[in-house]
Amino acid sequence: MALNVEHLNEIDGVNFRTERIAKRAKTFRETKPFISGERARFLTESWQETEGEPIPVRRAKGFAKLLDGIPVLIREGELIVGSQAKHVLQSIL
């Protein structure tokens, strides 16, 4: 997924940006995108472990495995914390 430069330029033009927002934007811009299969691995393991169980139970156990396996991240400068991925620009499978 490519970043939309027009949107980034529009964001840069907003004059009410704080130092915190400017720092977050800089981090976002300078971070290389990353693809991780971690979530897919957890879900695959769970589906293998729960073979033969009802689908809703398998989905619930898969979700529980994700919650147990992926750490809660609190990055500096974030007001809303938590993420589905470890990296700032991470695609999840």
N, C-alpha and C. Protein backbone atom coordinates (compact mmCIF):
# COMPACT_ATOMS: atom_id res chain seq x y z
N MET A 1 0.85 -1.18 0.00
CA MET A 1 0.00 0.00 0.00
C MET A 1 0.89 1.24 0.00
N ALA A 2 0.73 2.09 -0.97
CA ALA A 2 1.53 3.30 -1.08
C ALA A 2 0.86 4.43 -0.30
N LEU A 3 1.69 5.28 0.26
CA LEU A 3 1.16 6.44 0.97
C LEU A 3 0.68 7.47 -0.04
N ASN A 4 -0.42 8.12 0.23
CA ASN A 4 -0.95 9.15 -0.64
C ASN A 4 -0.28 10.46 -0.28
N VAL A 5 0.64 10.90 -1.13
CA VAL A 5 1.44 12.09 -0.86
C VAL A 5 0.56 13.34 -0.76
N GLU A 6 -0.49 13.40 -1.55
CA GLU A 6 -1.40 14.56 -1.50
C GLU A 6 -2.02 14.68 -0.11
N HIS A 7 -2.43 13.55 0.46
CA HIS A 7 -3.02 13.58 1.81
C HIS A 7 -1.98 14.01 2.84
N LEU A 8 -0.77 13.51 2.71
CA LEU A 8 0.29 13.89 3.66
C LEU A 8 0.61 15.38 3.55
N ASN A 9 0.65 15.90 2.34
CA ASN A 9 0.89 17.34 2.16
C ASN A 9 -0.24 18.17 2.74
N GLU A 10 -1.46 17.69 2.61
CA GLU A 10 -2.60 18.39 3.18
C GLU A 10 -2.49 18.42 4.71
N ILE A 11 -2.10 17.30 5.29
CA ILE A 11 -1.92 17.24 6.75
C ILE A 11 -0.82 18.20 7.19
N ASP A 12 0.27 18.26 6.43
CA ASP A 12 1.37 19.18 6.76
C ASP A 12 0.91 20.63 6.73
N GLY A 13 -0.09 20.94 5.91
CA GLY A 13 -0.55 22.31 5.79
C GLY A 13 -1.47 22.77 6.91
N VAL A 14 -1.92 21.85 7.75
CA VAL A 14 -2.81 22.22 8.85
C VAL A 14 -2.01 22.98 9.89
N ASN A 15 -2.49 24.15 10.28
CA ASN A 15 -1.70 25.02 11.15
C ASN A 15 -1.93 24.79 12.64
N PHE A 16 -2.80 23.88 13.04
CA PHE A 16 -3.04 23.65 14.46
C PHE A 16 -2.30 22.42 14.97
N ARG A 17 -1.32 21.95 14.19
CA ARG A 17 -0.54 20.79 14.62
C ARG A 17 0.31 21.12 15.83
N THR A 18 0.29 20.22 16.76
CA THR A 18 1.12 20.39 17.95
C THR A 18 2.46 19.68 17.72
N GLU A 19 3.37 19.87 18.64
CA GLU A 19 4.66 19.20 18.54
C GLU A 19 4.48 17.68 18.57
N ARG A 20 3.53 17.21 19.39
CA ARG A 20 3.26 15.78 19.49
C ARG A 20 2.79 15.24 18.15
N ILE A 21 1.86 15.93 17.52
CA ILE A 21 1.33 15.48 16.23
C ILE A 21 2.41 15.54 15.16
N ALA A 22 3.22 16.58 15.17
CA ALA A 22 4.30 16.69 14.19
C ALA A 22 5.29 15.53 14.34
N LYS A 23 5.59 15.16 15.57
CA LYS A 23 6.52 14.05 15.82
C LYS A 23 5.91 12.73 15.33
N ARG A 24 4.62 12.51 15.60
CA ARG A 24 3.96 11.28 15.15
C ARG A 24 3.93 11.22 13.61
N ALA A 25 3.67 12.36 12.97
CA ALA A 25 3.64 12.41 11.50
C ALA A 25 5.02 12.09 10.93
N LYS A 26 6.05 12.62 11.57
CA LYS A 26 7.42 12.37 11.12
C LYS A 26 7.76 10.88 11.25
N THR A 27 7.39 10.28 12.37
CA THR A 27 7.63 8.86 12.58
C THR A 27 6.91 8.04 11.52
N PHE A 28 5.66 8.39 11.25
CA PHE A 28 4.86 7.69 10.25
C PHE A 28 5.52 7.78 8.87
N ARG A 29 6.00 8.97 8.53
CA ARG A 29 6.60 9.20 7.23
C ARG A 29 7.93 8.48 7.05
N GLU A 30 8.70 8.40 8.12
CA GLU A 30 10.06 7.85 8.03
C GLU A 30 10.12 6.34 8.27
N THR A 31 8.99 5.73 8.60
CA THR A 31 8.96 4.31 8.90
C THR A 31 8.73 3.50 7.63
N LYS A 32 9.53 2.47 7.47
CA LYS A 32 9.37 1.58 6.33
C LYS A 32 8.22 0.61 6.61
N PRO A 33 7.32 0.42 5.65
CA PRO A 33 6.21 -0.53 5.85
C PRO A 33 6.73 -1.95 6.12
N PHE A 34 5.98 -2.69 6.90
CA PHE A 34 6.39 -4.03 7.32
C PHE A 34 5.20 -4.96 7.21
N ILE A 35 5.42 -6.15 6.71
CA ILE A 35 4.36 -7.16 6.64
C ILE A 35 4.71 -8.28 7.61
N SER A 36 3.74 -8.66 8.42
CA SER A 36 3.98 -9.71 9.40
C SER A 36 2.94 -10.80 9.27
N GLY A 37 3.37 -12.02 9.45
CA GLY A 37 2.46 -13.15 9.43
C GLY A 37 2.14 -13.65 10.83
N GLU A 38 2.51 -12.85 11.85
CA GLU A 38 2.32 -13.27 13.24
C GLU A 38 0.87 -13.61 13.56
N ARG A 39 -0.05 -12.75 13.16
CA ARG A 39 -1.47 -13.01 13.43
C ARG A 39 -1.93 -14.28 12.71
N ALA A 40 -1.49 -14.45 11.47
CA ALA A 40 -1.86 -15.64 10.70
C ALA A 40 -1.33 -16.89 11.38
N ARG A 41 -0.12 -16.81 11.92
CA ARG A 41 0.47 -17.97 12.61
C ARG A 41 -0.36 -18.34 13.84
N PHE A 42 -0.73 -17.33 14.65
CA PHE A 42 -1.54 -17.60 15.84
C PHE A 42 -2.88 -18.23 15.47
N LEU A 43 -3.52 -17.68 14.45
CA LEU A 43 -4.82 -18.21 14.05
C LEU A 43 -4.71 -19.61 13.46
N THR A 44 -3.67 -19.85 12.67
CA THR A 44 -3.46 -21.19 12.11
C THR A 44 -3.24 -22.21 13.22
N GLU A 45 -2.39 -21.86 14.19
CA GLU A 45 -2.15 -22.75 15.32
C GLU A 45 -3.46 -23.07 16.06
N SER A 46 -4.25 -22.02 16.29
CA SER A 46 -5.50 -22.21 17.01
C SER A 46 -6.45 -23.12 16.25
N TRP A 47 -6.58 -22.92 14.93
CA TRP A 47 -7.48 -23.75 14.13
C TRP A 47 -7.00 -25.20 14.12
N GLN A 48 -5.69 -25.40 14.13
CA GLN A 48 -5.18 -26.77 14.18
C GLN A 48 -5.47 -27.41 15.55
N GLU A 49 -5.36 -26.62 16.60
CA GLU A 49 -5.59 -27.12 17.96
C GLU A 49 -7.07 -27.41 18.24
N THR A 50 -7.97 -26.74 17.52
CA THR A 50 -9.40 -26.86 17.83
C THR A 50 -10.17 -27.62 16.75
N GLU A 51 -9.46 -28.36 15.94
CA GLU A 51 -10.11 -29.11 14.86
C GLU A 51 -11.22 -30.00 15.42
N GLY A 52 -12.38 -29.97 14.77
CA GLY A 52 -13.52 -30.78 15.18
C GLY A 52 -14.49 -30.06 16.10
N GLU A 53 -14.08 -28.91 16.65
CA GLU A 53 -14.97 -28.14 17.52
C GLU A 53 -15.89 -27.26 16.66
N PRO A 54 -17.01 -26.80 17.22
CA PRO A 54 -17.92 -25.92 16.46
C PRO A 54 -17.20 -24.63 16.01
N ILE A 55 -17.55 -24.15 14.83
CA ILE A 55 -16.91 -22.97 14.25
C ILE A 55 -16.92 -21.76 15.20
N PRO A 56 -18.06 -21.42 15.84
CA PRO A 56 -18.02 -20.27 16.75
C PRO A 56 -17.01 -20.44 17.89
N VAL A 57 -16.86 -21.65 18.39
CA VAL A 57 -15.89 -21.93 19.45
C VAL A 57 -14.48 -21.77 18.91
N ARG A 58 -14.23 -22.25 17.70
CA ARG A 58 -12.90 -22.13 17.09
C ARG A 58 -12.55 -20.67 16.87
N ARG A 59 -13.50 -19.88 16.41
CA ARG A 59 -13.24 -18.44 16.22
C ARG A 59 -12.93 -17.76 17.54
N ALA A 60 -13.69 -18.08 18.57
CA ALA A 60 -13.47 -17.48 19.88
C ALA A 60 -12.10 -17.86 20.44
N LYS A 61 -11.74 -19.12 20.30
CA LYS A 61 -10.43 -19.57 20.79
C LYS A 61 -9.30 -18.95 19.97
N GLY A 62 -9.51 -18.75 18.68
CA GLY A 62 -8.52 -18.08 17.85
C GLY A 62 -8.32 -16.64 18.28
N PHE A 63 -9.42 -15.96 18.56
CA PHE A 63 -9.35 -14.58 19.03
C PHE A 63 -8.63 -14.51 20.38
N ALA A 64 -8.94 -15.46 21.26
CA ALA A 64 -8.28 -15.50 22.57
C ALA A 64 -6.78 -15.71 22.41
N LYS A 65 -6.39 -16.55 21.46
CA LYS A 65 -4.96 -16.80 21.21
C LYS A 65 -4.28 -15.53 20.71
N LEU A 66 -4.98 -14.77 19.86
CA LEU A 66 -4.42 -13.49 19.40
C LEU A 66 -4.23 -12.53 20.58
N LEU A 67 -5.24 -12.44 21.43
CA LEU A 67 -5.15 -11.52 22.56
C LEU A 67 -4.02 -11.92 23.51
N ASP A 68 -3.82 -13.21 23.68
CA ASP A 68 -2.74 -13.68 24.55
C ASP A 68 -1.37 -13.51 23.91
N GLY A 69 -1.30 -13.64 22.59
CA GLY A 69 -0.01 -13.68 21.91
C GLY A 69 0.54 -12.35 21.46
N ILE A 70 -0.32 -11.41 21.12
CA ILE A 70 0.16 -10.12 20.61
C ILE A 70 0.20 -9.12 21.75
N PRO A 71 1.37 -8.54 22.01
CA PRO A 71 1.49 -7.62 23.15
C PRO A 71 0.73 -6.31 22.93
N VAL A 72 0.30 -5.71 24.03
CA VAL A 72 -0.34 -4.40 23.98
C VAL A 72 0.78 -3.36 23.91
N LEU A 73 0.74 -2.52 22.90
CA LEU A 73 1.78 -1.52 22.72
C LEU A 73 1.27 -0.15 23.10
N ILE A 74 2.10 0.59 23.80
CA ILE A 74 1.82 1.99 24.10
C ILE A 74 3.02 2.77 23.60
N ARG A 75 2.84 3.43 22.48
CA ARG A 75 3.94 4.19 21.87
C ARG A 75 3.96 5.61 22.41
N GLU A 76 5.14 6.16 22.46
CA GLU A 76 5.31 7.52 22.95
C GLU A 76 4.48 8.48 22.10
N GLY A 77 3.76 9.37 22.76
CA GLY A 77 2.99 10.40 22.07
C GLY A 77 1.60 9.98 21.64
N GLU A 78 1.21 8.73 21.86
CA GLU A 78 -0.12 8.29 21.46
C GLU A 78 -1.13 8.59 22.56
N LEU A 79 -2.27 9.08 22.17
CA LEU A 79 -3.35 9.33 23.12
C LEU A 79 -4.31 8.14 23.15
N ILE A 80 -4.46 7.49 22.02
CA ILE A 80 -5.24 6.26 21.94
C ILE A 80 -4.24 5.16 21.70
N VAL A 81 -4.19 4.20 22.60
CA VAL A 81 -3.13 3.19 22.53
C VAL A 81 -3.67 1.83 22.14
N GLY A 82 -2.75 0.97 21.80
CA GLY A 82 -3.09 -0.38 21.38
C GLY A 82 -3.04 -0.46 19.87
N SER A 83 -2.68 -1.61 19.38
CA SER A 83 -2.53 -1.79 17.95
C SER A 83 -2.70 -3.26 17.62
N GLN A 84 -3.03 -3.53 16.38
CA GLN A 84 -3.12 -4.92 15.93
C GLN A 84 -1.76 -5.44 15.51
N ALA A 85 -0.75 -4.57 15.51
CA ALA A 85 0.56 -4.95 15.03
C ALA A 85 1.66 -4.29 15.85
N LYS A 86 2.85 -4.90 15.84
CA LYS A 86 3.98 -4.37 16.60
C LYS A 86 4.59 -3.12 15.97
N HIS A 87 4.55 -3.04 14.65
CA HIS A 87 5.24 -1.98 13.92
C HIS A 87 4.27 -0.86 13.55
N VAL A 88 4.81 0.34 13.39
CA VAL A 88 3.98 1.51 13.09
C VAL A 88 3.22 1.33 11.78
N LEU A 89 3.90 0.93 10.73
CA LEU A 89 3.26 0.72 9.43
C LEU A 89 3.30 -0.75 9.08
N GLN A 90 2.53 -1.54 9.79
CA GLN A 90 2.54 -2.97 9.57
C GLN A 90 1.23 -3.43 8.97
N SER A 91 1.33 -4.17 7.90
CA SER A 91 0.16 -4.82 7.34
C SER A 91 -0.01 -6.14 8.05
N ILE A 92 -1.26 -6.48 8.32
CA ILE A 92 -1.53 -7.73 9.02
C ILE A 92 -2.22 -8.69 8.09
N LEU A 93 -1.90 -9.93 8.23
CA LEU A 93 -2.51 -10.97 7.41
C LEU A 93 -3.63 -11.62 8.16
